[in-house]
Amino acid sequence: MPVAGDPRRAIPRTDVLMDEPGFRAAIDRLGPARVKAAIVQAQQRARAGEIPPESVRGHALAALPTRATSLRPVINATGVVIHTNIGRAPLSPAAVEALVIAAGYVDVELDLASGQRSRRGRGVLDALLSAVVPAEAALVVNNGAAALVLATTALAAGREVVVSRGEMVEIGDGFRLPDLIASTGARLREVGTTNRTHLDDYRAAIGPETGCLLKIHPSNFRIEGFTSGVEIAQLAGLGVPVIADIGSGLLGPDPALPDEPDATTTLRQGAALVTASGDKLLGGPQAGIVLGAAPFVERLRRHPLARALRVDKLTLAALEATLTGPEPPVTRMRHLRPEDLRGRTWKLAEAVGGEIVESAGRVGGGGAPGVALSGYAVALPSRVAELLRRGEPAVLARVDAGRCLVDLRCVPTADDDALRDAILAALTTTGDAG
């Protein structure tokens, strides 16, 4: 117990502090529990003599996070457009606005005119069908893997899924296609070899137990040399439903990515269903997209698993805005030419004393693995990379050949000054500032 004259008597009370404007604002942002915990921790430090009583207020405020989430914004200076480790596709301003609208009560399953329940996600489904004309119906689930799982479950649970051995891929984080399909209750029937599969291989495998044929785009790798595969149009002629997983979510052809499959072309070639991701080349939120013939999509929609895989109102809103709004950031970024980046890169290099070098960015996210996005980068000492990651704002650059490369392809112009200041701060810390 503090005695008379004890400086600990000067420690401000918890209720007094929590009623002050600075702490009240923090409570509105973070909630009372986190604010109270920061105050109590500072009070305990003062009682232990670690800090003076009069500094409790300042230490408690300094200990409070500046954001309501532990997630930190990152400036992507890697040149990789769809970077899985930092959230894949950045949303467009229209999608962000849609998220704010959807944060409250919205008519997600309500017809306001009649007051009756309505089709969930009608806006985004209509937008998908407008964007992919050959599709008769559409469905949205919570990610690309979920779309594939639902499709194979609905069409082939307890039966066989015929797939080329060369398409037995690992989709990331250790998840492999055979394990994914096995979890649906279907049995995989592999045909062909790693490098070559022929139409007769599929034809010979088809029988009474065949539920569907599965065509997987390999996405993040290429097999070159003595290879052969079977086109969707050929598979569609075998009389068995074809599920085509195109992966990256390109809805229509892109001349800049000639080898990347798209939903429109794939459906025109005869696929019964196309599955894809929403947060890759499409440039929207994480989602799994299913497009195709109405009877097959309806089988998926009515399957009990569909309820467990459905998306929330936030995803529906952001995806609709991505489809109907202006060009999403990932589309603009992947189409930037070297001359579009030269001026900004030169200005940054002059400001920080770095060297301009040629840079080969990437689409990322498993898309277009053989396509290099030519541009420029500012080369800095490699030790700067860690300081940039730890800084405020956090900056993720690319380390290559012993250098830290800062590529502006994925950096919004509005962040140029913040990026420059972050680099100068890091260079000052390392003693490399010029």
Protein backbone atom coordinates (compact mmCIF):
# COMPACT_ATOMS: atom_id res chain seq x y z
CA MET A 1 0.00 0.00 0.00
CA PRO A 2 1.36 3.45 -0.87
CA VAL A 3 2.00 5.58 2.20
CA ALA A 4 1.69 9.32 2.64
CA GLY A 5 4.21 11.09 0.45
CA ASP A 6 4.65 8.02 -1.69
CA PRO A 7 4.94 9.16 -5.35
CA ARG A 8 2.81 6.19 -6.37
CA ARG A 9 -0.17 8.16 -5.00
CA ALA A 10 0.24 10.31 -8.10
CA ILE A 11 -0.61 7.42 -10.41
CA PRO A 12 -3.86 8.40 -12.14
CA ARG A 13 -6.87 6.18 -11.57
CA THR A 14 -8.14 3.91 -14.31
CA ASP A 15 -11.64 5.41 -14.46
CA VAL A 16 -10.25 8.92 -14.64
CA LEU A 17 -7.98 8.07 -17.55
CA MET A 18 -10.65 6.18 -19.47
CA ASP A 19 -12.90 9.24 -19.29
CA GLU A 20 -10.31 11.51 -20.91
CA PRO A 21 -10.80 12.48 -24.59
CA GLY A 22 -7.72 10.65 -25.87
CA PHE A 23 -8.71 7.38 -24.24
CA ARG A 24 -12.39 7.79 -25.13
CA ALA A 25 -11.39 8.06 -28.79
CA ALA A 26 -9.30 4.93 -28.41
CA ILE A 27 -12.24 3.11 -26.82
CA ASP A 28 -14.40 4.00 -29.83
CA ARG A 29 -11.74 2.52 -32.11
CA LEU A 30 -10.46 -0.46 -30.12
CA GLY A 31 -13.03 -1.21 -27.41
CA PRO A 32 -12.78 -0.66 -23.61
CA ALA A 33 -11.03 -3.94 -22.77
CA ARG A 34 -7.89 -3.22 -24.83
CA VAL A 35 -7.72 0.37 -23.60
CA LYS A 36 -8.11 -0.64 -19.97
CA ALA A 37 -5.43 -3.31 -20.33
CA ALA A 38 -2.95 -0.72 -21.67
CA ILE A 39 -3.72 1.62 -18.77
CA VAL A 40 -3.36 -1.10 -16.15
CA GLN A 41 -0.05 -2.22 -17.63
CA ALA A 42 1.31 1.34 -17.47
CA GLN A 43 0.07 1.72 -13.88
CA GLN A 44 1.83 -1.50 -12.88
CA ARG A 45 5.07 -0.27 -14.41
CA ALA A 46 4.75 2.95 -12.41
CA ARG A 47 4.11 1.04 -9.17
CA ALA A 48 7.21 -1.06 -9.88
CA GLY A 49 9.25 2.11 -10.31
CA GLU A 50 9.98 1.46 -13.98
CA ILE A 51 8.36 4.70 -15.13
CA PRO A 52 7.41 7.91 -13.26
CA PRO A 53 3.73 8.19 -12.25
CA GLU A 54 3.21 11.28 -14.38
CA SER A 55 4.14 9.33 -17.52
CA VAL A 56 1.42 6.66 -17.10
CA ARG A 57 -0.92 8.54 -19.41
CA GLY A 58 1.66 8.83 -22.20
CA HIS A 59 2.90 5.24 -21.90
CA ALA A 60 -0.65 3.86 -21.97
CA LEU A 61 -1.54 5.85 -25.08
CA ALA A 62 1.71 4.84 -26.78
CA ALA A 63 1.01 1.18 -26.07
CA LEU A 64 -2.34 1.26 -27.86
CA PRO A 65 -2.34 -0.02 -31.45
CA THR A 66 -3.03 2.58 -34.10
CA ARG A 67 -5.32 0.20 -36.00
CA ALA A 68 -8.27 -1.98 -35.08
CA THR A 69 -6.59 -5.01 -36.69
CA SER A 70 -3.20 -6.63 -36.31
CA LEU A 71 -2.88 -6.63 -40.11
CA ARG A 72 -0.45 -3.99 -41.36
CA PRO A 73 -0.67 -2.22 -44.71
CA VAL A 74 2.24 -3.12 -46.99
CA ILE A 75 3.63 -1.23 -49.97
CA ASN A 76 4.25 -3.88 -52.62
CA ALA A 77 7.57 -2.99 -54.26
CA THR A 78 8.33 -6.53 -55.48
CA GLY A 79 6.99 -6.17 -59.02
CA VAL A 80 4.80 -9.26 -58.39
CA VAL A 81 1.24 -8.20 -59.11
CA ILE A 82 -0.68 -11.00 -57.37
CA HIS A 83 1.39 -11.72 -54.27
CA THR A 84 -0.25 -14.39 -52.12
CA ASN A 85 1.69 -13.56 -48.95
CA ILE A 86 0.40 -9.99 -48.88
CA GLY A 87 -3.20 -10.66 -49.84
CA ARG A 88 -3.17 -11.26 -53.61
CA ALA A 89 -5.26 -8.70 -55.51
CA PRO A 90 -5.62 -5.20 -54.05
CA LEU A 91 -9.23 -4.09 -54.35
CA SER A 92 -10.36 -1.24 -56.56
CA PRO A 93 -11.78 1.95 -54.97
CA ALA A 94 -15.20 0.85 -56.18
CA ALA A 95 -14.85 -2.50 -54.37
CA VAL A 96 -13.70 -0.75 -51.19
CA GLU A 97 -16.73 1.54 -51.35
CA ALA A 98 -18.94 -1.52 -51.80
CA LEU A 99 -17.44 -3.09 -48.67
CA VAL A 100 -18.38 -0.03 -46.64
CA ILE A 101 -21.94 -0.19 -47.92
CA ALA A 102 -22.20 -3.91 -47.19
CA ALA A 103 -20.87 -3.44 -43.65
CA GLY A 104 -24.35 -2.41 -42.52
CA TYR A 105 -27.78 -3.89 -43.15
CA VAL A 106 -28.27 -4.55 -46.88
CA ASP A 107 -30.81 -6.38 -49.04
CA VAL A 108 -28.56 -9.38 -49.57
CA GLU A 109 -31.51 -11.83 -49.63
CA LEU A 110 -34.50 -9.51 -49.60
CA ASP A 111 -36.75 -8.08 -52.31
CA LEU A 112 -37.53 -4.66 -50.88
CA ALA A 113 -40.52 -4.20 -53.21
CA SER A 114 -42.36 -7.33 -52.07
CA GLY A 115 -40.78 -7.81 -48.68
CA GLN A 116 -40.11 -11.44 -49.62
CA ARG A 117 -36.89 -13.42 -49.63
CA SER A 118 -34.94 -13.09 -52.89
CA ARG A 119 -32.05 -14.75 -54.69
CA ARG A 120 -28.82 -14.29 -52.74
CA GLY A 121 -26.07 -12.42 -54.57
CA ARG A 122 -28.27 -11.65 -57.58
CA GLY A 123 -26.16 -8.59 -58.50
CA VAL A 124 -22.86 -10.42 -58.71
CA LEU A 125 -24.40 -13.41 -60.54
CA ASP A 126 -25.91 -11.13 -63.16
CA ALA A 127 -22.56 -9.34 -63.52
CA LEU A 128 -20.75 -12.64 -64.06
CA LEU A 129 -23.20 -13.74 -66.73
CA SER A 130 -22.84 -10.38 -68.48
CA ALA A 131 -19.05 -10.72 -68.45
CA VAL A 132 -19.02 -14.36 -69.63
CA VAL A 133 -21.65 -14.62 -72.35
CA PRO A 134 -21.42 -18.42 -72.96
CA ALA A 135 -22.24 -19.13 -69.30
CA GLU A 136 -25.86 -20.07 -68.65
CA ALA A 137 -25.52 -19.86 -64.86
CA ALA A 138 -23.05 -18.86 -62.18
CA LEU A 139 -22.28 -19.58 -58.54
CA VAL A 140 -19.90 -17.95 -56.07
CA VAL A 141 -18.27 -19.79 -53.16
CA ASN A 142 -15.51 -18.85 -50.74
CA ASN A 143 -12.37 -19.68 -52.77
CA GLY A 144 -11.10 -21.42 -55.89
CA ALA A 145 -10.37 -24.70 -54.15
CA ALA A 146 -13.91 -24.71 -52.73
CA ALA A 147 -15.33 -24.24 -56.22
CA LEU A 148 -13.40 -27.27 -57.46
CA VAL A 149 -14.35 -29.37 -54.44
CA LEU A 150 -18.03 -28.52 -54.80
CA ALA A 151 -17.99 -29.28 -58.53
CA THR A 152 -16.36 -32.68 -58.17
CA THR A 153 -18.51 -33.56 -55.17
CA ALA A 154 -21.76 -32.72 -56.93
CA LEU A 155 -20.84 -34.52 -60.16
CA ALA A 156 -18.70 -37.42 -59.00
CA ALA A 157 -19.03 -38.25 -55.27
CA GLY A 158 -18.64 -42.02 -54.97
CA ARG A 159 -17.62 -42.22 -58.61
CA GLU A 160 -14.49 -41.55 -60.67
CA VAL A 161 -12.87 -38.28 -61.70
CA VAL A 162 -10.68 -38.83 -64.75
CA VAL A 163 -7.65 -36.51 -64.88
CA SER A 164 -4.33 -36.40 -66.71
CA ARG A 165 -1.34 -37.49 -64.63
CA GLY A 166 0.51 -34.36 -65.75
CA GLU A 167 -2.14 -32.19 -64.09
CA MET A 168 -1.90 -33.70 -60.60
CA VAL A 169 -0.71 -30.44 -59.11
CA GLU A 170 -0.03 -29.01 -55.68
CA ILE A 171 -2.06 -25.82 -55.34
CA GLY A 172 -0.09 -24.16 -52.55
CA ASP A 173 0.65 -24.46 -48.84
CA GLY A 174 1.09 -28.20 -49.24
CA PHE A 175 -2.43 -28.88 -50.54
CA ARG A 176 -2.40 -31.37 -53.39
CA LEU A 177 -5.06 -32.12 -55.96
CA PRO A 178 -5.29 -35.86 -55.18
CA ASP A 179 -5.93 -35.14 -51.52
CA LEU A 180 -8.46 -32.44 -52.35
CA ILE A 181 -10.46 -34.67 -54.68
CA ALA A 182 -10.28 -37.64 -52.32
CA SER A 183 -11.87 -35.48 -49.60
CA THR A 184 -15.00 -35.20 -51.77
CA GLY A 185 -15.61 -38.95 -51.77
CA ALA A 186 -14.70 -39.24 -55.44
CA ARG A 187 -11.98 -41.55 -56.78
CA LEU A 188 -9.25 -40.23 -59.02
CA ARG A 189 -8.59 -42.11 -62.24
CA GLU A 190 -5.22 -40.94 -63.60
CA VAL A 191 -4.55 -41.26 -67.32
CA GLY A 192 -1.52 -40.65 -69.52
CA THR A 193 1.97 -39.87 -68.29
CA THR A 194 3.59 -36.85 -66.68
CA ASN A 195 4.51 -35.26 -70.00
CA ARG A 196 2.10 -36.77 -72.54
CA THR A 197 -1.63 -37.58 -72.45
CA HIS A 198 -3.75 -38.46 -75.49
CA LEU A 199 -7.47 -38.47 -76.23
CA ASP A 200 -7.47 -42.27 -76.34
CA ASP A 201 -6.19 -42.32 -72.75
CA TYR A 202 -9.35 -40.53 -71.61
CA ARG A 203 -11.59 -42.58 -73.89
CA ALA A 204 -10.23 -45.85 -72.50
CA ALA A 205 -10.80 -44.71 -68.91
CA ILE A 206 -14.46 -43.76 -69.35
CA GLY A 207 -16.96 -46.26 -68.00
CA PRO A 208 -20.08 -46.64 -65.86
CA GLU A 209 -18.24 -45.27 -62.82
CA THR A 210 -17.08 -42.06 -64.52
CA GLY A 211 -18.57 -38.95 -62.95
CA CYS A 212 -16.67 -36.31 -64.87
CA LEU A 213 -13.47 -35.45 -66.72
CA LEU A 214 -11.26 -32.90 -64.99
CA LYS A 215 -8.95 -30.50 -66.81
CA ILE A 216 -6.55 -28.58 -64.56
CA HIS A 217 -4.52 -25.59 -65.71
CA PRO A 218 -1.06 -26.12 -64.15
CA SER A 219 -0.81 -22.38 -63.31
CA ASN A 220 2.54 -21.92 -61.58
CA PHE A 221 4.70 -24.28 -63.64
CA ARG A 222 5.27 -25.35 -67.23
CA ILE A 223 6.25 -28.66 -68.80
CA GLU A 224 8.21 -28.10 -72.01
CA GLY A 225 9.79 -30.32 -74.62
CA PHE A 226 8.34 -33.71 -75.59
CA THR A 227 4.80 -33.03 -74.38
CA SER A 228 1.21 -33.37 -75.50
CA GLY A 229 -2.18 -32.74 -73.98
CA VAL A 230 -5.84 -32.86 -74.92
CA GLU A 231 -7.90 -29.76 -75.60
CA ILE A 232 -11.24 -29.05 -73.94
CA ALA A 233 -13.09 -29.33 -77.26
CA GLN A 234 -11.79 -32.86 -77.75
CA LEU A 235 -12.72 -33.91 -74.22
CA ALA A 236 -16.20 -32.44 -74.58
CA GLY A 237 -16.84 -34.81 -77.49
CA LEU A 238 -16.50 -37.87 -75.26
CA GLY A 239 -19.98 -37.52 -73.81
CA VAL A 240 -18.94 -36.96 -70.18
CA PRO A 241 -19.20 -33.61 -68.33
CA VAL A 242 -15.89 -31.71 -68.35
CA ILE A 243 -14.89 -29.58 -65.38
CA ALA A 244 -12.16 -27.10 -66.30
CA ASP A 245 -10.28 -25.43 -63.47
CA ILE A 246 -8.67 -22.39 -65.12
CA GLY A 247 -7.28 -21.16 -61.81
CA SER A 248 -6.46 -17.48 -62.17
CA GLY A 249 -9.92 -16.12 -62.97
CA LEU A 250 -9.40 -14.55 -66.38
CA LEU A 251 -12.94 -14.10 -67.69
CA GLY A 252 -12.06 -13.26 -71.29
CA PRO A 253 -8.97 -13.49 -73.53
CA ASP A 254 -6.04 -11.17 -72.77
CA PRO A 255 -3.58 -10.71 -75.65
CA ALA A 256 -0.83 -9.96 -73.11
CA LEU A 257 -1.32 -13.44 -71.61
CA PRO A 258 -1.85 -15.66 -74.67
CA ASP A 259 -1.26 -18.95 -72.84
CA GLU A 260 -3.56 -18.17 -69.91
CA PRO A 261 -6.96 -19.90 -70.21
CA ASP A 262 -10.09 -17.78 -69.82
CA ALA A 263 -13.64 -18.68 -68.86
CA THR A 264 -15.30 -17.43 -72.05
CA THR A 265 -13.10 -19.43 -74.41
CA THR A 266 -13.14 -22.53 -72.21
CA LEU A 267 -16.94 -22.64 -72.11
CA ARG A 268 -17.16 -22.10 -75.86
CA GLN A 269 -14.88 -25.10 -76.29
CA GLY A 270 -17.46 -27.25 -74.53
CA ALA A 271 -16.65 -27.37 -70.81
CA ALA A 272 -19.71 -28.10 -68.69
CA LEU A 273 -18.29 -26.15 -65.74
CA VAL A 274 -15.43 -23.70 -65.29
CA THR A 275 -13.99 -22.98 -61.85
CA ALA A 276 -11.68 -20.10 -60.99
CA SER A 277 -10.48 -17.74 -58.26
CA GLY A 278 -11.80 -14.22 -57.76
CA ASP A 279 -8.72 -12.68 -56.15
CA LYS A 280 -6.15 -13.33 -58.89
CA LEU A 281 -6.37 -12.04 -62.47
CA LEU A 282 -9.98 -10.98 -61.96
CA GLY A 283 -8.70 -8.55 -59.32
CA GLY A 284 -11.44 -8.96 -56.73
CA PRO A 285 -11.86 -10.41 -53.22
CA GLN A 286 -11.10 -14.01 -52.32
CA ALA A 287 -13.85 -16.09 -53.89
CA GLY A 288 -14.41 -19.20 -55.96
CA ILE A 289 -16.33 -18.75 -59.19
CA VAL A 290 -18.31 -21.44 -61.00
CA LEU A 291 -19.63 -20.79 -64.51
CA GLY A 292 -21.29 -23.14 -66.96
CA ALA A 293 -24.36 -25.01 -68.12
CA ALA A 294 -27.45 -24.29 -66.03
CA PRO A 295 -28.32 -27.91 -65.09
CA PHE A 296 -24.82 -28.54 -63.72
CA VAL A 297 -24.57 -25.22 -61.85
CA GLU A 298 -27.98 -25.90 -60.33
CA ARG A 299 -26.75 -29.30 -59.09
CA LEU A 300 -23.92 -27.50 -57.32
CA ARG A 301 -26.20 -24.79 -55.93
CA ARG A 302 -28.59 -27.35 -54.43
CA HIS A 303 -25.88 -29.59 -52.98
CA PRO A 304 -25.76 -29.46 -49.14
CA LEU A 305 -22.06 -28.54 -49.26
CA ALA A 306 -22.89 -25.30 -51.08
CA ARG A 307 -24.37 -23.83 -47.89
CA ALA A 308 -21.12 -24.40 -46.02
CA LEU A 309 -19.07 -22.81 -48.81
CA ARG A 310 -21.18 -19.75 -49.56
CA VAL A 311 -19.73 -16.24 -49.31
CA ASP A 312 -20.86 -13.39 -47.10
CA LYS A 313 -22.33 -10.03 -48.08
CA LEU A 314 -18.91 -8.32 -48.03
CA THR A 315 -17.50 -10.66 -50.68
CA LEU A 316 -20.63 -10.39 -52.80
CA ALA A 317 -20.48 -6.61 -52.71
CA ALA A 318 -16.77 -6.33 -53.48
CA LEU A 319 -16.92 -8.90 -56.27
CA GLU A 320 -19.90 -7.20 -57.93
CA ALA A 321 -18.11 -3.83 -57.81
CA THR A 322 -15.00 -5.43 -59.31
CA LEU A 323 -17.02 -6.85 -62.19
CA THR A 324 -19.12 -3.76 -62.92
CA GLY A 325 -16.78 -0.94 -61.90
CA PRO A 326 -13.63 0.56 -63.45
CA GLU A 327 -10.56 -1.48 -64.31
CA PRO A 328 -9.20 -3.17 -61.15
CA PRO A 329 -5.61 -2.43 -60.06
CA VAL A 330 -4.22 -5.84 -61.08
CA THR A 331 -5.31 -5.30 -64.69
CA ARG A 332 -3.67 -1.89 -64.86
CA MET A 333 -0.50 -3.12 -63.14
CA ARG A 334 0.08 -6.11 -65.38
CA HIS A 335 -0.38 -3.98 -68.52
CA LEU A 336 2.11 -1.24 -67.53
CA ARG A 337 4.92 -0.87 -70.07
CA PRO A 338 8.55 -0.11 -69.17
CA GLU A 339 8.14 3.46 -70.43
CA ASP A 340 5.19 3.92 -68.07
CA LEU A 341 7.49 3.21 -65.11
CA ARG A 342 10.71 4.89 -66.23
CA GLY A 343 9.96 8.43 -65.05
CA ARG A 344 8.77 7.49 -61.57
CA THR A 345 11.67 5.08 -61.09
CA TRP A 346 14.20 7.73 -62.18
CA LYS A 347 12.73 10.26 -59.76
CA LEU A 348 12.89 7.79 -56.87
CA ALA A 349 16.45 6.76 -57.70
CA GLU A 350 17.58 10.39 -57.69
CA ALA A 351 15.85 11.05 -54.37
CA VAL A 352 17.42 8.09 -52.55
CA GLY A 353 20.73 7.78 -54.40
CA GLY A 354 19.96 4.35 -55.86
CA GLU A 355 20.87 2.78 -59.18
CA ILE A 356 18.26 2.18 -61.89
CA VAL A 357 18.30 -1.38 -63.23
CA GLU A 358 16.05 -3.38 -65.53
CA SER A 359 13.49 -5.44 -63.64
CA ALA A 360 11.38 -8.45 -64.59
CA GLY A 361 8.15 -8.44 -62.60
CA ARG A 362 5.70 -11.31 -62.52
CA VAL A 363 1.96 -11.82 -62.66
CA GLY A 364 2.13 -14.03 -59.55
CA GLY A 365 -0.59 -16.05 -57.87
CA GLY A 366 0.09 -18.99 -60.17
CA GLY A 367 -0.82 -16.98 -63.26
CA ALA A 368 1.20 -16.83 -66.49
CA PRO A 369 4.38 -18.38 -65.03
CA GLY A 370 6.39 -17.85 -68.20
CA VAL A 371 5.50 -14.18 -68.67
CA ALA A 372 7.96 -11.52 -67.49
CA LEU A 373 6.60 -8.02 -66.86
CA SER A 374 9.47 -5.85 -68.04
CA GLY A 375 10.19 -2.64 -66.19
CA TYR A 376 12.71 -0.93 -63.96
CA ALA A 377 13.72 -1.00 -60.32
CA VAL A 378 15.86 1.02 -57.93
CA ALA A 379 18.77 -1.10 -56.69
CA LEU A 380 19.83 -0.63 -53.06
CA PRO A 381 22.08 -2.56 -50.65
CA SER A 382 20.46 -5.87 -49.70
CA ARG A 383 20.52 -5.07 -45.97
CA VAL A 384 17.94 -2.33 -46.61
CA ALA A 385 15.24 -4.91 -47.39
CA GLU A 386 14.71 -6.01 -43.78
CA LEU A 387 14.55 -2.45 -42.51
CA LEU A 388 11.95 -1.62 -45.14
CA ARG A 389 9.82 -4.60 -44.06
CA ARG A 390 10.03 -3.54 -40.41
CA GLY A 391 9.42 0.13 -41.09
CA GLU A 392 6.29 2.26 -41.03
CA PRO A 393 4.86 1.96 -43.57
CA ALA A 394 6.04 -1.59 -44.21
CA VAL A 395 7.64 -1.96 -47.65
CA LEU A 396 8.17 -5.33 -49.30
CA ALA A 397 10.93 -5.20 -51.91
CA ARG A 398 12.61 -7.99 -53.86
CA VAL A 399 16.06 -9.30 -52.97
CA ASP A 400 17.93 -10.54 -56.02
CA ALA A 401 21.64 -11.19 -56.66
CA GLY A 402 22.66 -9.52 -53.41
CA ARG A 403 20.64 -6.36 -54.02
CA CYS A 404 17.37 -4.93 -52.74
CA LEU A 405 15.26 -4.08 -55.78
CA VAL A 406 12.42 -1.60 -55.40
CA ASP A 407 9.98 -2.02 -58.32
CA LEU A 408 7.20 0.57 -58.69
CA ARG A 409 4.85 -1.53 -60.85
CA CYS A 410 2.50 -2.31 -57.95
CA VAL A 411 3.03 0.91 -55.98
CA PRO A 412 0.19 3.46 -56.33
CA THR A 413 1.50 6.89 -57.30
CA ALA A 414 -0.11 8.24 -54.13
CA ASP A 415 2.42 6.18 -52.14
CA ASP A 416 5.53 7.47 -53.93
CA ASP A 417 6.41 10.02 -51.23
CA ALA A 418 5.84 7.54 -48.40
CA LEU A 419 8.03 4.99 -50.20
CA ARG A 420 10.79 7.54 -50.72
CA ASP A 421 10.73 8.53 -47.05
CA ALA A 422 10.77 4.88 -45.93
CA ILE A 423 13.83 4.18 -48.09
CA LEU A 424 15.66 7.29 -46.83
CA ALA A 425 14.94 6.27 -43.22
CA ALA A 426 16.28 2.76 -43.87
CA LEU A 427 19.40 4.09 -45.61
CA THR A 428 20.07 6.45 -42.71
CA THR A 429 19.84 3.55 -40.26
CA THR A 430 22.32 1.47 -42.27
CA GLY A 431 24.63 4.43 -42.87
CA ASP A 432 24.12 4.21 -46.64
CA ALA A 433 22.38 7.57 -47.00
CA GLY A 434 24.16 9.74 -49.51
